[in-house]
Amino acid sequence: MVRDYRGRTDEHYVEIVEEDKKEIDTCDLLLVNHTRPSVGTSMEILYAWERGKKIVTVVVGKDISPWIIYHSEKIFHDLDSAIDYLNGK
């Protein structure tokens, strides 16, 4: 992703959401960095799941929302393990 709206999200919220949705629509799977709670990330997970996308999520800690568990095909606690899984290792 090349877009960077840090500090200007209030001005560009339509662009941000619409472009995120377009990117999700074009992907086969969503690799999610959910190392801290985020409403936007949670919405992207649901959006992808509703479109039948494979969702692999990286989380930190053991207190994982049931919503994240339900909508994720697989959950990992580190990025390397998630990448190994996606590469079939």
N, C-alpha and C. Protein backbone atom coordinates (compact mmCIF):
# COMPACT_ATOMS: atom_id res chain seq x y z
N MET A 1 0.84 -1.16 0.00
CA MET A 1 0.00 0.00 0.00
C MET A 1 0.90 1.23 0.00
N VAL A 2 0.60 2.15 -0.88
CA VAL A 2 1.42 3.34 -1.02
C VAL A 2 0.78 4.54 -0.33
N ARG A 3 -0.50 4.44 -0.07
CA ARG A 3 -1.23 5.56 0.51
C ARG A 3 -0.82 5.80 1.96
N ASP A 4 -0.69 7.07 2.35
CA ASP A 4 -0.33 7.42 3.72
C ASP A 4 -1.12 8.66 4.12
N TYR A 5 -2.10 8.47 4.98
CA TYR A 5 -2.96 9.57 5.40
C TYR A 5 -2.77 9.91 6.88
N ARG A 6 -1.66 9.49 7.44
CA ARG A 6 -1.43 9.78 8.86
C ARG A 6 -1.58 11.27 9.14
N GLY A 7 -2.37 11.55 10.17
CA GLY A 7 -2.60 12.94 10.56
C GLY A 7 -3.64 13.64 9.72
N ARG A 8 -4.18 12.96 8.69
CA ARG A 8 -5.16 13.60 7.80
C ARG A 8 -6.37 12.69 7.54
N THR A 9 -6.59 11.73 8.42
CA THR A 9 -7.66 10.76 8.19
C THR A 9 -9.04 11.40 8.17
N ASP A 10 -9.25 12.43 8.99
CA ASP A 10 -10.56 13.09 9.01
C ASP A 10 -10.91 13.73 7.67
N GLU A 11 -9.92 14.15 6.95
CA GLU A 11 -10.14 14.80 5.65
C GLU A 11 -10.34 13.79 4.52
N HIS A 12 -9.81 12.58 4.68
CA HIS A 12 -9.77 11.60 3.59
C HIS A 12 -10.45 10.28 3.92
N TYR A 13 -11.40 10.28 4.85
CA TYR A 13 -11.99 9.02 5.30
C TYR A 13 -12.68 8.25 4.19
N VAL A 14 -13.35 8.94 3.26
CA VAL A 14 -14.02 8.23 2.16
C VAL A 14 -12.99 7.54 1.28
N GLU A 15 -11.97 8.26 0.92
CA GLU A 15 -10.88 7.72 0.10
C GLU A 15 -10.22 6.51 0.77
N ILE A 16 -9.95 6.64 2.05
CA ILE A 16 -9.28 5.58 2.80
C ILE A 16 -10.11 4.30 2.76
N VAL A 17 -11.39 4.39 3.12
CA VAL A 17 -12.23 3.20 3.18
C VAL A 17 -12.47 2.61 1.80
N GLU A 18 -12.77 3.44 0.82
CA GLU A 18 -13.04 2.93 -0.53
C GLU A 18 -11.81 2.27 -1.14
N GLU A 19 -10.63 2.84 -0.94
CA GLU A 19 -9.41 2.25 -1.48
C GLU A 19 -9.06 0.95 -0.75
N ASP A 20 -9.28 0.93 0.57
CA ASP A 20 -9.05 -0.32 1.33
C ASP A 20 -9.96 -1.42 0.79
N LYS A 21 -11.22 -1.11 0.56
CA LYS A 21 -12.17 -2.10 0.04
C LYS A 21 -11.74 -2.59 -1.35
N LYS A 22 -11.30 -1.69 -2.20
CA LYS A 22 -10.84 -2.09 -3.54
C LYS A 22 -9.66 -3.05 -3.44
N GLU A 23 -8.73 -2.76 -2.55
CA GLU A 23 -7.56 -3.64 -2.39
C GLU A 23 -7.97 -5.01 -1.88
N ILE A 24 -8.89 -5.06 -0.94
CA ILE A 24 -9.38 -6.34 -0.43
C ILE A 24 -10.09 -7.11 -1.54
N ASP A 25 -10.86 -6.42 -2.35
CA ASP A 25 -11.58 -7.07 -3.45
C ASP A 25 -10.64 -7.75 -4.43
N THR A 26 -9.45 -7.22 -4.59
CA THR A 26 -8.51 -7.77 -5.57
C THR A 26 -7.59 -8.85 -5.02
N CYS A 27 -7.63 -9.09 -3.71
CA CYS A 27 -6.71 -10.06 -3.13
C CYS A 27 -7.35 -11.44 -2.99
N ASP A 28 -6.50 -12.45 -2.88
CA ASP A 28 -6.95 -13.82 -2.62
C ASP A 28 -7.06 -14.09 -1.13
N LEU A 29 -6.20 -13.43 -0.36
CA LEU A 29 -6.21 -13.63 1.09
C LEU A 29 -5.81 -12.34 1.77
N LEU A 30 -6.15 -12.27 3.04
CA LEU A 30 -5.83 -11.11 3.84
C LEU A 30 -4.93 -11.56 4.99
N LEU A 31 -3.72 -11.06 5.03
CA LEU A 31 -2.80 -11.30 6.14
C LEU A 31 -2.94 -10.10 7.07
N VAL A 32 -3.45 -10.36 8.26
CA VAL A 32 -3.84 -9.29 9.18
C VAL A 32 -2.84 -9.13 10.31
N ASN A 33 -2.36 -7.91 10.50
CA ASN A 33 -1.53 -7.56 11.64
C ASN A 33 -2.46 -6.98 12.70
N HIS A 34 -2.89 -7.84 13.61
CA HIS A 34 -3.83 -7.40 14.65
C HIS A 34 -3.13 -7.41 16.00
N THR A 35 -1.98 -6.76 16.05
CA THR A 35 -1.17 -6.74 17.28
C THR A 35 -1.69 -5.74 18.30
N ARG A 36 -2.64 -4.91 17.88
CA ARG A 36 -3.34 -4.03 18.83
C ARG A 36 -4.75 -3.83 18.28
N PRO A 37 -5.72 -3.66 19.17
CA PRO A 37 -7.10 -3.51 18.72
C PRO A 37 -7.26 -2.31 17.77
N SER A 38 -8.02 -2.53 16.71
CA SER A 38 -8.26 -1.48 15.73
C SER A 38 -9.62 -1.69 15.09
N VAL A 39 -10.45 -0.68 15.16
CA VAL A 39 -11.77 -0.77 14.55
C VAL A 39 -11.63 -0.96 13.05
N GLY A 40 -10.74 -0.22 12.43
CA GLY A 40 -10.55 -0.32 10.97
C GLY A 40 -10.11 -1.72 10.56
N THR A 41 -9.17 -2.29 11.27
CA THR A 41 -8.70 -3.64 10.96
C THR A 41 -9.83 -4.66 11.13
N SER A 42 -10.61 -4.52 12.18
CA SER A 42 -11.73 -5.42 12.40
C SER A 42 -12.75 -5.31 11.28
N MET A 43 -13.01 -4.11 10.82
CA MET A 43 -13.94 -3.91 9.70
C MET A 43 -13.40 -4.54 8.42
N GLU A 44 -12.10 -4.40 8.20
CA GLU A 44 -11.49 -5.00 7.01
C GLU A 44 -11.58 -6.53 7.06
N ILE A 45 -11.41 -7.10 8.24
CA ILE A 45 -11.54 -8.55 8.39
C ILE A 45 -12.95 -8.99 8.02
N LEU A 46 -13.94 -8.32 8.55
CA LEU A 46 -15.32 -8.68 8.25
C LEU A 46 -15.63 -8.50 6.77
N TYR A 47 -15.19 -7.39 6.20
CA TYR A 47 -15.41 -7.12 4.78
C TYR A 47 -14.82 -8.25 3.93
N ALA A 48 -13.60 -8.63 4.23
CA ALA A 48 -12.93 -9.71 3.48
C ALA A 48 -13.65 -11.03 3.68
N TRP A 49 -14.01 -11.35 4.91
CA TRP A 49 -14.67 -12.61 5.22
C TRP A 49 -16.00 -12.72 4.48
N GLU A 50 -16.75 -11.63 4.42
CA GLU A 50 -18.03 -11.63 3.73
C GLU A 50 -17.88 -11.85 2.23
N ARG A 51 -16.68 -11.65 1.71
CA ARG A 51 -16.41 -11.86 0.29
C ARG A 51 -15.67 -13.18 0.04
N GLY A 52 -15.59 -14.00 1.07
CA GLY A 52 -15.00 -15.33 0.93
C GLY A 52 -13.49 -15.35 0.87
N LYS A 53 -12.85 -14.30 1.35
CA LYS A 53 -11.38 -14.25 1.33
C LYS A 53 -10.81 -15.08 2.47
N LYS A 54 -9.69 -15.68 2.24
CA LYS A 54 -8.94 -16.40 3.28
C LYS A 54 -8.32 -15.34 4.19
N ILE A 55 -8.45 -15.53 5.51
CA ILE A 55 -7.94 -14.55 6.46
C ILE A 55 -7.00 -15.24 7.44
N VAL A 56 -5.75 -14.79 7.46
CA VAL A 56 -4.74 -15.28 8.38
C VAL A 56 -4.35 -14.09 9.26
N THR A 57 -4.46 -14.29 10.56
CA THR A 57 -4.31 -13.17 11.49
C THR A 57 -3.14 -13.39 12.44
N VAL A 58 -2.38 -12.34 12.66
CA VAL A 58 -1.29 -12.33 13.64
C VAL A 58 -1.75 -11.48 14.82
N VAL A 59 -1.76 -12.09 16.00
CA VAL A 59 -2.18 -11.39 17.22
C VAL A 59 -1.10 -11.53 18.28
N VAL A 60 -1.16 -10.64 19.26
CA VAL A 60 -0.24 -10.71 20.40
C VAL A 60 -1.08 -10.98 21.64
N GLY A 61 -0.62 -11.86 22.47
CA GLY A 61 -1.33 -12.17 23.71
C GLY A 61 -2.33 -13.29 23.53
N LYS A 62 -3.02 -13.60 24.61
CA LYS A 62 -3.95 -14.72 24.60
C LYS A 62 -5.40 -14.28 24.61
N ASP A 63 -5.66 -13.01 24.88
CA ASP A 63 -7.02 -12.51 24.96
C ASP A 63 -7.47 -12.06 23.57
N ILE A 64 -7.97 -13.02 22.79
CA ILE A 64 -8.35 -12.76 21.40
C ILE A 64 -9.87 -12.70 21.32
N SER A 65 -10.37 -11.68 20.69
CA SER A 65 -11.82 -11.52 20.54
C SER A 65 -12.42 -12.72 19.82
N PRO A 66 -13.57 -13.20 20.28
CA PRO A 66 -14.26 -14.28 19.56
C PRO A 66 -14.55 -13.91 18.11
N TRP A 67 -14.72 -12.63 17.83
CA TRP A 67 -14.99 -12.18 16.47
C TRP A 67 -13.76 -12.39 15.58
N ILE A 68 -12.59 -12.17 16.12
CA ILE A 68 -11.37 -12.39 15.35
C ILE A 68 -11.16 -13.89 15.13
N ILE A 69 -11.37 -14.68 16.16
CA ILE A 69 -11.23 -16.13 16.03
C ILE A 69 -12.19 -16.67 14.98
N TYR A 70 -13.44 -16.27 15.05
CA TYR A 70 -14.48 -16.76 14.15
C TYR A 70 -14.17 -16.43 12.68
N HIS A 71 -13.68 -15.23 12.42
CA HIS A 71 -13.48 -14.78 11.05
C HIS A 71 -12.09 -15.07 10.49
N SER A 72 -11.23 -15.67 11.28
CA SER A 72 -9.88 -16.00 10.81
C SER A 72 -9.77 -17.48 10.50
N GLU A 73 -9.19 -17.79 9.36
CA GLU A 73 -8.93 -19.20 9.04
C GLU A 73 -7.89 -19.78 9.98
N LYS A 74 -6.91 -18.95 10.29
CA LYS A 74 -5.80 -19.39 11.15
C LYS A 74 -5.29 -18.16 11.90
N ILE A 75 -4.86 -18.39 13.14
CA ILE A 75 -4.31 -17.31 13.97
C ILE A 75 -2.91 -17.70 14.42
N PHE A 76 -2.01 -16.76 14.34
CA PHE A 76 -0.62 -16.96 14.77
C PHE A 76 -0.22 -15.84 15.74
N HIS A 77 0.82 -16.11 16.51
CA HIS A 77 1.30 -15.11 17.47
C HIS A 77 2.57 -14.43 17.00
N ASP A 78 3.03 -14.76 15.79
CA ASP A 78 4.17 -14.05 15.21
C ASP A 78 4.07 -14.12 13.68
N LEU A 79 4.61 -13.12 13.04
CA LEU A 79 4.52 -12.99 11.59
C LEU A 79 5.25 -14.12 10.86
N ASP A 80 6.40 -14.53 11.34
CA ASP A 80 7.16 -15.59 10.68
C ASP A 80 6.35 -16.89 10.58
N SER A 81 5.64 -17.25 11.64
CA SER A 81 4.82 -18.46 11.61
C SER A 81 3.68 -18.33 10.60
N ALA A 82 3.08 -17.15 10.52
CA ALA A 82 2.01 -16.93 9.56
C ALA A 82 2.54 -17.05 8.13
N ILE A 83 3.71 -16.50 7.88
CA ILE A 83 4.31 -16.57 6.54
C ILE A 83 4.68 -18.01 6.20
N ASP A 84 5.23 -18.74 7.15
CA ASP A 84 5.54 -20.16 6.93
C ASP A 84 4.27 -20.93 6.56
N TYR A 85 3.19 -20.67 7.27
CA TYR A 85 1.92 -21.34 6.99
C TYR A 85 1.45 -21.02 5.56
N LEU A 86 1.53 -19.75 5.20
CA LEU A 86 1.10 -19.35 3.85
C LEU A 86 1.99 -19.94 2.76
N ASN A 87 3.24 -20.17 3.09
CA ASN A 87 4.17 -20.78 2.13
C ASN A 87 4.14 -22.31 2.17
N GLY A 88 3.26 -22.87 3.00
CA GLY A 88 3.11 -24.31 3.06
C GLY A 88 4.19 -25.03 3.83
N LYS A 89 4.87 -24.33 4.72
CA LYS A 89 5.95 -24.96 5.51
C LYS A 89 5.43 -25.53 6.80
